[in-house]
């Protein structure tokens, strides 16, 4: 009869753990945990699914509790190692297999608007949108200081999204002499959740108020340079980011274009795509 030996049982526990920790897919961890009770104990008791999730998506480290509903919805299992293993394994698979799609749902606020509502943030999401037969766009107010930043906040399509890149298109004013392009010098992105849902009942766009202080930003990207060019510019994040809370802030840093009519610096944009 063929002799079968569980090689992990022949190794020191720390060595066996290191071997299984090399698995980089939750499906492989699930399969490994089904090999034997010994393998299952290594995977589950050491929280390898949770470690894998947090290593790939550091934003998930903020999760403090896992609840699992039973099949009959009659009781909850709180923070048991088995329920954590199943939850993180399922979450990891969902995050790495998400369909690529447009994630921005609605505008929330702009730090300034030059001419409301004709040049408000609500006109940034659809490049086909037209105002009086002219392309719509968002415009900041003018500033004498070219370093004055602007921020735009958007609600995403879900409270849990994976963002890989954000695309921005500076606006070229064909109705002005020399066709100036009102881009920013660079951009930075933040993602997070509101401090209080009740405060978001306020219409920040109509009130022309900045909502930056109403959010807690859990992720901040590096500063990325923007070209002063009339084209869609793709800003790929260093790694996929899990946005927990469903809100995105676009920070436009610095101004490059002075408007001839008043000598002030502006930022104009057509649309944003995430």
C-alpha atoms as a PDB file:
ATOM      1  CA  UNK A   1       0.000   0.000   0.000  1.00  0.00           C
ATOM      2  CA  UNK A   2       1.253   3.479  -0.879  1.00  0.00           C
ATOM      3  CA  UNK A   3       2.599   5.392   2.094  1.00  0.00           C
ATOM      4  CA  UNK A   4       1.433   8.991   2.379  1.00  0.00           C
ATOM      5  CA  UNK A   5       3.223  11.481   4.606  1.00  0.00           C
ATOM      6  CA  UNK A   6       2.091  14.993   5.548  1.00  0.00           C
ATOM      7  CA  UNK A   7       5.385  16.811   5.096  1.00  0.00           C
ATOM      8  CA  UNK A   8       4.186  19.862   7.047  1.00  0.00           C
ATOM      9  CA  UNK A   9       3.794  17.691  10.143  1.00  0.00           C
ATOM     10  CA  UNK A  10       7.470  16.746   9.847  1.00  0.00           C
ATOM     11  CA  UNK A  11       8.514  20.399   9.967  1.00  0.00           C
ATOM     12  CA  UNK A  12       8.785  22.824  12.852  1.00  0.00           C
ATOM     13  CA  UNK A  13       5.554  24.860  13.246  1.00  0.00           C
ATOM     14  CA  UNK A  14       7.314  28.123  12.341  1.00  0.00           C
ATOM     15  CA  UNK A  15       8.670  26.565   9.126  1.00  0.00           C
ATOM     16  CA  UNK A  16       5.290  25.143   8.147  1.00  0.00           C
ATOM     17  CA  UNK A  17       3.717  28.568   8.752  1.00  0.00           C
ATOM     18  CA  UNK A  18       6.284  30.298   6.529  1.00  0.00           C
ATOM     19  CA  UNK A  19       5.554  27.879   3.696  1.00  0.00           C
ATOM     20  CA  UNK A  20       1.791  28.426   3.741  1.00  0.00           C
ATOM     21  CA  UNK A  21       2.258  32.183   4.175  1.00  0.00           C
ATOM     22  CA  UNK A  22       3.738  32.271   0.663  1.00  0.00           C
ATOM     23  CA  UNK A  23       0.299  31.511  -0.804  1.00  0.00           C
ATOM     24  CA  UNK A  24      -0.904  34.777  -2.361  1.00  0.00           C
ATOM     25  CA  UNK A  25      -4.491  33.925  -3.213  1.00  0.00           C
ATOM     26  CA  UNK A  26      -7.298  33.294  -0.746  1.00  0.00           C
ATOM     27  CA  UNK A  27      -8.586  30.462  -2.963  1.00  0.00           C
ATOM     28  CA  UNK A  28      -5.272  28.670  -2.444  1.00  0.00           C
ATOM     29  CA  UNK A  29      -5.512  29.230   1.303  1.00  0.00           C
ATOM     30  CA  UNK A  30      -9.030  27.759   1.291  1.00  0.00           C
ATOM     31  CA  UNK A  31      -7.800  24.714  -0.623  1.00  0.00           C
ATOM     32  CA  UNK A  32      -4.826  24.333   1.713  1.00  0.00           C
ATOM     33  CA  UNK A  33      -7.060  24.471   4.775  1.00  0.00           C
ATOM     34  CA  UNK A  34      -9.117  21.587   3.308  1.00  0.00           C
ATOM     35  CA  UNK A  35      -6.124  19.243   3.026  1.00  0.00           C
ATOM     36  CA  UNK A  36      -6.155  18.181   6.675  1.00  0.00           C
ATOM     37  CA  UNK A  37      -6.983  19.382  10.154  1.00  0.00           C
ATOM     38  CA  UNK A  38      -3.297  20.174  10.678  1.00  0.00           C
ATOM     39  CA  UNK A  39      -3.137  22.418   7.603  1.00  0.00           C
ATOM     40  CA  UNK A  40      -6.457  23.995   8.497  1.00  0.00           C
ATOM     41  CA  UNK A  41      -5.184  24.825  11.967  1.00  0.00           C
ATOM     42  CA  UNK A  42      -2.088  26.548  10.543  1.00  0.00           C
ATOM     43  CA  UNK A  43      -4.096  28.631   8.066  1.00  0.00           C
ATOM     44  CA  UNK A  44      -6.980  29.559  10.369  1.00  0.00           C
ATOM     45  CA  UNK A  45      -5.294  29.989  13.750  1.00  0.00           C
ATOM     46  CA  UNK A  46      -2.594  32.246  12.276  1.00  0.00           C
ATOM     47  CA  UNK A  47      -5.094  34.370  10.358  1.00  0.00           C
ATOM     48  CA  UNK A  48      -3.368  33.907   6.995  1.00  0.00           C
ATOM     49  CA  UNK A  49      -6.421  35.104   5.033  1.00  0.00           C
ATOM     50  CA  UNK A  50      -6.522  38.302   7.080  1.00  0.00           C
ATOM     51  CA  UNK A  51      -2.783  38.827   6.671  1.00  0.00           C
ATOM     52  CA  UNK A  52      -3.112  38.362   2.914  1.00  0.00           C
ATOM     53  CA  UNK A  53      -5.924  40.933   2.715  1.00  0.00           C
ATOM     54  CA  UNK A  54      -4.089  43.558   4.745  1.00  0.00           C
ATOM     55  CA  UNK A  55      -0.805  43.004   2.902  1.00  0.00           C
ATOM     56  CA  UNK A  56      -2.466  43.510  -0.484  1.00  0.00           C
ATOM     57  CA  UNK A  57      -4.915  46.202   0.696  1.00  0.00           C
ATOM     58  CA  UNK A  58      -3.486  48.044   3.759  1.00  0.00           C
ATOM     59  CA  UNK A  59      -6.686  50.102   4.125  1.00  0.00           C
ATOM     60  CA  UNK A  60      -8.417  46.970   5.465  1.00  0.00           C
ATOM     61  CA  UNK A  61      -6.300  47.161   8.616  1.00  0.00           C
ATOM     62  CA  UNK A  62      -8.917  49.588   9.965  1.00  0.00           C
ATOM     63  CA  UNK A  63     -11.492  46.765  10.239  1.00  0.00           C
ATOM     64  CA  UNK A  64     -11.958  46.078  13.946  1.00  0.00           C
ATOM     65  CA  UNK A  65     -14.696  43.438  13.989  1.00  0.00           C
ATOM     66  CA  UNK A  66     -16.048  40.615  11.852  1.00  0.00           C
ATOM     67  CA  UNK A  67     -19.608  39.309  12.339  1.00  0.00           C
ATOM     68  CA  UNK A  68     -20.931  36.246  10.559  1.00  0.00           C
ATOM     69  CA  UNK A  69     -24.641  35.610  10.201  1.00  0.00           C
ATOM     70  CA  UNK A  70     -25.766  31.987  10.460  1.00  0.00           C
ATOM     71  CA  UNK A  71     -27.734  30.383   7.627  1.00  0.00           C
ATOM     72  CA  UNK A  72     -31.043  30.919   9.408  1.00  0.00           C
ATOM     73  CA  UNK A  73     -30.103  34.494  10.386  1.00  0.00           C
ATOM     74  CA  UNK A  74     -30.801  33.625  14.014  1.00  0.00           C
ATOM     75  CA  UNK A  75     -27.438  34.319  15.586  1.00  0.00           C
ATOM     76  CA  UNK A  76     -24.085  35.955  15.000  1.00  0.00           C
ATOM     77  CA  UNK A  77     -20.579  34.637  15.413  1.00  0.00           C
ATOM     78  CA  UNK A  78     -18.355  37.446  16.726  1.00  0.00           C
ATOM     79  CA  UNK A  79     -14.678  37.580  15.793  1.00  0.00           C
ATOM     80  CA  UNK A  80     -14.057  33.817  15.930  1.00  0.00           C
ATOM     81  CA  UNK A  81     -10.947  32.748  14.035  1.00  0.00           C
ATOM     82  CA  UNK A  82     -13.055  30.572  11.725  1.00  0.00           C
ATOM     83  CA  UNK A  83     -15.467  33.378  10.817  1.00  0.00           C
ATOM     84  CA  UNK A  84     -12.567  35.797  10.276  1.00  0.00           C
ATOM     85  CA  UNK A  85     -10.891  33.258   8.000  1.00  0.00           C
ATOM     86  CA  UNK A  86     -14.008  32.852   5.859  1.00  0.00           C
ATOM     87  CA  UNK A  87     -14.788  36.573   5.810  1.00  0.00           C
ATOM     88  CA  UNK A  88     -11.330  37.731   4.776  1.00  0.00           C
ATOM     89  CA  UNK A  89     -10.963  34.947   2.216  1.00  0.00           C
ATOM     90  CA  UNK A  90     -14.262  35.957   0.595  1.00  0.00           C
ATOM     91  CA  UNK A  91     -13.426  39.657   0.786  1.00  0.00           C
ATOM     92  CA  UNK A  92     -10.042  39.139  -0.864  1.00  0.00           C
ATOM     93  CA  UNK A  93     -11.548  37.182  -3.757  1.00  0.00           C
ATOM     94  CA  UNK A  94     -14.223  39.829  -4.250  1.00  0.00           C
ATOM     95  CA  UNK A  95     -11.678  42.657  -4.315  1.00  0.00           C
ATOM     96  CA  UNK A  96      -9.301  41.077  -6.819  1.00  0.00           C
ATOM     97  CA  UNK A  97     -12.060  39.935  -9.177  1.00  0.00           C
ATOM     98  CA  UNK A  98     -14.105  43.157  -9.195  1.00  0.00           C
ATOM     99  CA  UNK A  99     -15.327  44.241 -12.647  1.00  0.00           C
ATOM    100  CA  UNK A 100     -13.652  47.361 -14.007  1.00  0.00           C
ATOM    101  CA  UNK A 101     -16.233  50.100 -14.179  1.00  0.00           C
ATOM    102  CA  UNK A 102     -16.869  53.811 -13.663  1.00  0.00           C
ATOM    103  CA  UNK A 103     -16.878  54.418  -9.892  1.00  0.00           C
ATOM    104  CA  UNK A 104     -17.838  58.071  -9.471  1.00  0.00           C
ATOM    105  CA  UNK A 105     -21.548  58.584  -8.789  1.00  0.00           C
ATOM    106  CA  UNK A 106     -22.284  62.174  -7.765  1.00  0.00           C
ATOM    107  CA  UNK A 107     -20.469  65.449  -7.077  1.00  0.00           C
ATOM    108  CA  UNK A 108     -20.541  66.663  -3.460  1.00  0.00           C
ATOM    109  CA  UNK A 109     -18.640  69.935  -3.247  1.00  0.00           C
ATOM    110  CA  UNK A 110     -16.008  72.199  -4.764  1.00  0.00           C
ATOM    111  CA  UNK A 111     -13.735  74.427  -2.714  1.00  0.00           C
ATOM    112  CA  UNK A 112     -14.715  77.295  -5.055  1.00  0.00           C
ATOM    113  CA  UNK A 113     -16.769  77.936  -8.197  1.00  0.00           C
ATOM    114  CA  UNK A 114     -16.375  80.939 -10.464  1.00  0.00           C
ATOM    115  CA  UNK A 115     -19.866  81.064 -11.944  1.00  0.00           C
ATOM    116  CA  UNK A 116     -22.535  78.926 -10.282  1.00  0.00           C
ATOM    117  CA  UNK A 117     -24.304  76.895 -11.610  1.00  0.00           C
ATOM    118  CA  UNK A 118     -22.973  77.240 -15.171  1.00  0.00           C
ATOM    119  CA  UNK A 119     -19.402  76.351 -14.146  1.00  0.00           C
ATOM    120  CA  UNK A 120     -20.105  74.111 -11.153  1.00  0.00           C
ATOM    121  CA  UNK A 121     -18.721  70.686 -10.301  1.00  0.00           C
ATOM    122  CA  UNK A 122     -21.989  69.059 -11.427  1.00  0.00           C
ATOM    123  CA  UNK A 123     -20.840  69.521 -15.040  1.00  0.00           C
ATOM    124  CA  UNK A 124     -17.592  67.554 -14.679  1.00  0.00           C
ATOM    125  CA  UNK A 125     -18.805  63.972 -15.044  1.00  0.00           C
ATOM    126  CA  UNK A 126     -20.137  63.887 -18.602  1.00  0.00           C
ATOM    127  CA  UNK A 127     -18.044  65.425 -21.406  1.00  0.00           C
ATOM    128  CA  UNK A 128     -21.100  65.316 -23.689  1.00  0.00           C
ATOM    129  CA  UNK A 129     -22.950  67.738 -21.418  1.00  0.00           C
ATOM    130  CA  UNK A 130     -23.512  71.103 -23.091  1.00  0.00           C
ATOM    131  CA  UNK A 131     -24.481  74.538 -21.789  1.00  0.00           C
ATOM    132  CA  UNK A 132     -25.845  76.873 -24.433  1.00  0.00           C
ATOM    133  CA  UNK A 133     -24.169  74.794 -27.178  1.00  0.00           C
ATOM    134  CA  UNK A 134     -20.808  75.124 -25.413  1.00  0.00           C
ATOM    135  CA  UNK A 135     -18.864  72.371 -23.603  1.00  0.00           C
ATOM    136  CA  UNK A 136     -19.569  72.371 -19.892  1.00  0.00           C
ATOM    137  CA  UNK A 137     -16.824  72.438 -17.283  1.00  0.00           C
ATOM    138  CA  UNK A 138     -15.986  73.347 -13.712  1.00  0.00           C
ATOM    139  CA  UNK A 139     -14.033  76.522 -13.014  1.00  0.00           C
ATOM    140  CA  UNK A 140     -12.421  77.675  -9.800  1.00  0.00           C
ATOM    141  CA  UNK A 141     -12.534  81.290  -8.738  1.00  0.00           C
ATOM    142  CA  UNK A 142      -9.542  83.390  -9.771  1.00  0.00           C
ATOM    143  CA  UNK A 143      -6.520  83.848  -7.529  1.00  0.00           C
ATOM    144  CA  UNK A 144      -3.563  86.192  -7.543  1.00  0.00           C
ATOM    145  CA  UNK A 145      -1.449  83.400  -6.058  1.00  0.00           C
ATOM    146  CA  UNK A 146      -0.611  80.598  -8.553  1.00  0.00           C
ATOM    147  CA  UNK A 147      -0.050  78.188  -5.643  1.00  0.00           C
ATOM    148  CA  UNK A 148      -3.663  78.368  -4.426  1.00  0.00           C
ATOM    149  CA  UNK A 149      -5.068  74.791  -4.353  1.00  0.00           C
ATOM    150  CA  UNK A 150      -8.595  73.587  -5.054  1.00  0.00           C
ATOM    151  CA  UNK A 151     -10.449  70.473  -3.892  1.00  0.00           C
ATOM    152  CA  UNK A 152     -13.359  68.593  -5.453  1.00  0.00           C
ATOM    153  CA  UNK A 153     -15.267  65.856  -3.632  1.00  0.00           C
ATOM    154  CA  UNK A 154     -17.298  63.058  -5.220  1.00  0.00           C
ATOM    155  CA  UNK A 155     -19.475  60.252  -3.896  1.00  0.00           C
ATOM    156  CA  UNK A 156     -18.578  56.850  -5.292  1.00  0.00           C
ATOM    157  CA  UNK A 157     -20.988  54.202  -6.500  1.00  0.00           C
ATOM    158  CA  UNK A 158     -20.550  52.052  -3.375  1.00  0.00           C
ATOM    159  CA  UNK A 159     -19.250  52.293   0.176  1.00  0.00           C
ATOM    160  CA  UNK A 160     -16.549  49.785  -0.730  1.00  0.00           C
ATOM    161  CA  UNK A 161     -14.700  50.394  -3.993  1.00  0.00           C
ATOM    162  CA  UNK A 162     -11.313  49.429  -5.377  1.00  0.00           C
ATOM    163  CA  UNK A 163      -9.712  52.356  -7.202  1.00  0.00           C
ATOM    164  CA  UNK A 164      -6.808  51.702  -9.569  1.00  0.00           C
ATOM    165  CA  UNK A 165      -6.605  54.948 -11.534  1.00  0.00           C
ATOM    166  CA  UNK A 166      -8.267  58.339 -11.842  1.00  0.00           C
ATOM    167  CA  UNK A 167      -8.455  60.162 -15.165  1.00  0.00           C
ATOM    168  CA  UNK A 168      -8.672  63.943 -15.449  1.00  0.00           C
ATOM    169  CA  UNK A 169      -9.125  66.217 -18.444  1.00  0.00           C
ATOM    170  CA  UNK A 170      -8.111  69.893 -18.169  1.00  0.00           C
ATOM    171  CA  UNK A 171     -10.319  72.299 -20.090  1.00  0.00           C
ATOM    172  CA  UNK A 172      -9.113  74.296 -23.070  1.00  0.00           C
ATOM    173  CA  UNK A 173     -11.007  77.580 -23.513  1.00  0.00           C
ATOM    174  CA  UNK A 174     -11.550  77.784 -27.262  1.00  0.00           C
ATOM    175  CA  UNK A 175     -13.692  80.892 -26.731  1.00  0.00           C
ATOM    176  CA  UNK A 176     -10.682  82.853 -25.382  1.00  0.00           C
ATOM    177  CA  UNK A 177      -7.758  84.233 -27.369  1.00  0.00           C
ATOM    178  CA  UNK A 178      -4.767  81.852 -27.721  1.00  0.00           C
ATOM    179  CA  UNK A 179      -7.007  78.956 -26.544  1.00  0.00           C
ATOM    180  CA  UNK A 180      -5.518  78.669 -23.012  1.00  0.00           C
ATOM    181  CA  UNK A 181      -5.554  75.359 -21.084  1.00  0.00           C
ATOM    182  CA  UNK A 182      -6.443  75.797 -17.422  1.00  0.00           C
ATOM    183  CA  UNK A 183      -4.780  72.784 -15.826  1.00  0.00           C
ATOM    184  CA  UNK A 184      -3.277  72.480 -12.363  1.00  0.00           C
ATOM    185  CA  UNK A 185       0.426  71.854 -11.796  1.00  0.00           C
ATOM    186  CA  UNK A 186      -0.178  68.549 -10.019  1.00  0.00           C
ATOM    187  CA  UNK A 187      -2.867  66.448  -8.356  1.00  0.00           C
ATOM    188  CA  UNK A 188      -3.341  64.365  -5.246  1.00  0.00           C
ATOM    189  CA  UNK A 189      -6.169  62.007  -4.332  1.00  0.00           C
ATOM    190  CA  UNK A 190      -7.729  61.172  -0.985  1.00  0.00           C
ATOM    191  CA  UNK A 191     -10.349  58.561  -0.140  1.00  0.00           C
ATOM    192  CA  UNK A 192     -12.410  58.078   2.978  1.00  0.00           C
ATOM    193  CA  UNK A 193     -15.740  58.418   4.725  1.00  0.00           C
ATOM    194  CA  UNK A 194     -17.886  61.195   6.228  1.00  0.00           C
ATOM    195  CA  UNK A 195     -17.533  62.078   9.896  1.00  0.00           C
ATOM    196  CA  UNK A 196     -21.330  62.118  10.138  1.00  0.00           C
ATOM    197  CA  UNK A 197     -23.916  61.079   7.561  1.00  0.00           C
ATOM    198  CA  UNK A 198     -26.317  63.692   8.896  1.00  0.00           C
ATOM    199  CA  UNK A 199     -24.039  66.520   7.773  1.00  0.00           C
ATOM    200  CA  UNK A 200     -24.170  65.281   4.185  1.00  0.00           C
ATOM    201  CA  UNK A 201     -27.853  66.166   3.926  1.00  0.00           C
ATOM    202  CA  UNK A 202     -26.648  69.716   3.318  1.00  0.00           C
ATOM    203  CA  UNK A 203     -26.336  70.796  -0.338  1.00  0.00           C
ATOM    204  CA  UNK A 204     -22.733  71.998  -0.422  1.00  0.00           C
ATOM    205  CA  UNK A 205     -22.813  72.743  -4.153  1.00  0.00           C
ATOM    206  CA  UNK A 206     -25.795  75.065  -3.997  1.00  0.00           C
ATOM    207  CA  UNK A 207     -24.508  76.709  -0.813  1.00  0.00           C
ATOM    208  CA  UNK A 208     -21.094  77.151  -2.459  1.00  0.00           C
ATOM    209  CA  UNK A 209     -19.341  75.694   0.583  1.00  0.00           C
ATOM    210  CA  UNK A 210     -16.323  73.460   0.851  1.00  0.00           C
ATOM    211  CA  UNK A 211     -16.995  70.108   2.549  1.00  0.00           C
ATOM    212  CA  UNK A 212     -13.361  69.069   3.147  1.00  0.00           C
ATOM    213  CA  UNK A 213     -13.696  69.160   6.950  1.00  0.00           C
ATOM    214  CA  UNK A 214     -16.728  66.837   6.886  1.00  0.00           C
ATOM    215  CA  UNK A 215     -14.652  63.764   6.009  1.00  0.00           C
ATOM    216  CA  UNK A 216     -11.969  61.517   7.403  1.00  0.00           C
ATOM    217  CA  UNK A 217      -9.489  60.644   4.671  1.00  0.00           C
ATOM    218  CA  UNK A 218      -7.987  57.185   5.202  1.00  0.00           C
ATOM    219  CA  UNK A 219      -5.834  57.162   2.069  1.00  0.00           C
ATOM    220  CA  UNK A 220      -3.705  59.893   0.508  1.00  0.00           C
ATOM    221  CA  UNK A 221      -1.916  59.342  -2.798  1.00  0.00           C
ATOM    222  CA  UNK A 222       1.503  60.712  -3.776  1.00  0.00           C
ATOM    223  CA  UNK A 223       1.531  64.076  -5.555  1.00  0.00           C
ATOM    224  CA  UNK A 224       1.403  63.443  -9.314  1.00  0.00           C
ATOM    225  CA  UNK A 225       2.343  65.996 -12.005  1.00  0.00           C
ATOM    226  CA  UNK A 226      -0.277  67.140 -14.511  1.00  0.00           C
ATOM    227  CA  UNK A 227       0.497  68.223 -18.055  1.00  0.00           C
ATOM    228  CA  UNK A 228      -0.931  71.456 -19.440  1.00  0.00           C
ATOM    229  CA  UNK A 229      -2.457  69.605 -22.351  1.00  0.00           C
ATOM    230  CA  UNK A 230      -5.988  69.242 -23.718  1.00  0.00           C
ATOM    231  CA  UNK A 231      -6.299  65.483 -23.298  1.00  0.00           C
ATOM    232  CA  UNK A 232      -7.503  62.848 -20.902  1.00  0.00           C
ATOM    233  CA  UNK A 233      -4.659  62.260 -18.444  1.00  0.00           C
ATOM    234  CA  UNK A 234      -4.470  58.942 -16.616  1.00  0.00           C
ATOM    235  CA  UNK A 235      -3.168  58.891 -13.059  1.00  0.00           C
ATOM    236  CA  UNK A 236      -2.506  55.289 -12.060  1.00  0.00           C
ATOM    237  CA  UNK A 237      -2.217  54.767  -8.321  1.00  0.00           C
ATOM    238  CA  UNK A 238       0.910  52.991  -7.011  1.00  0.00           C
ATOM    239  CA  UNK A 239      -1.329  50.074  -5.993  1.00  0.00           C
ATOM    240  CA  UNK A 240      -5.063  49.328  -6.005  1.00  0.00           C
ATOM    241  CA  UNK A 241      -6.713  51.212  -3.143  1.00  0.00           C
ATOM    242  CA  UNK A 242      -9.739  50.010  -1.216  1.00  0.00           C
ATOM    243  CA  UNK A 243     -11.911  53.026  -0.474  1.00  0.00           C
ATOM    244  CA  UNK A 244     -13.904  52.250   2.658  1.00  0.00           C
ATOM    245  CA  UNK A 245     -16.663  54.818   3.012  1.00  0.00           C
ATOM    246  CA  UNK A 246     -17.263  55.714  -0.618  1.00  0.00           C
ATOM    247  CA  UNK A 247     -15.919  59.266  -1.068  1.00  0.00           C
ATOM    248  CA  UNK A 248     -13.107  60.631  -3.236  1.00  0.00           C
ATOM    249  CA  UNK A 249     -11.352  63.972  -2.940  1.00  0.00           C
ATOM    250  CA  UNK A 250      -9.383  65.357  -5.890  1.00  0.00           C
ATOM    251  CA  UNK A 251      -6.851  67.957  -4.798  1.00  0.00           C
ATOM    252  CA  UNK A 252      -5.632  70.254  -7.573  1.00  0.00           C
ATOM    253  CA  UNK A 253      -2.296  71.753  -6.557  1.00  0.00           C
ATOM    254  CA  UNK A 254      -0.995  74.930  -8.164  1.00  0.00           C
ATOM    255  CA  UNK A 255      -2.152  76.909 -11.202  1.00  0.00           C
ATOM    256  CA  UNK A 256      -0.368  77.510 -14.491  1.00  0.00           C
ATOM    257  CA  UNK A 257      -2.775  79.593 -16.559  1.00  0.00           C
ATOM    258  CA  UNK A 258      -3.455  83.294 -16.062  1.00  0.00           C
ATOM    259  CA  UNK A 259      -6.693  84.642 -17.522  1.00  0.00           C
ATOM    260  CA  UNK A 260      -6.106  87.602 -19.801  1.00  0.00           C
ATOM    261  CA  UNK A 261      -9.240  89.535 -18.844  1.00  0.00           C
ATOM    262  CA  UNK A 262      -8.455  89.868 -15.103  1.00  0.00           C
ATOM    263  CA  UNK A 263      -4.867  88.686 -14.665  1.00  0.00           C
ATOM    264  CA  UNK A 264      -5.883  85.988 -12.170  1.00  0.00           C
ATOM    265  CA  UNK A 265      -4.997  82.293 -12.157  1.00  0.00           C
ATOM    266  CA  UNK A 266      -7.738  79.680 -12.645  1.00  0.00           C
ATOM    267  CA  UNK A 267      -8.220  75.913 -12.867  1.00  0.00           C
ATOM    268  CA  UNK A 268     -10.848  74.616 -15.302  1.00  0.00           C
ATOM    269  CA  UNK A 269     -11.687  70.981 -15.884  1.00  0.00           C
ATOM    270  CA  UNK A 270     -14.012  69.093 -18.186  1.00  0.00           C
ATOM    271  CA  UNK A 271     -14.507  65.805 -16.368  1.00  0.00           C
ATOM    272  CA  UNK A 272     -13.064  63.220 -14.030  1.00  0.00           C
ATOM    273  CA  UNK A 273     -13.155  59.475 -14.504  1.00  0.00           C
ATOM    274  CA  UNK A 274     -12.336  56.890 -11.859  1.00  0.00           C
END
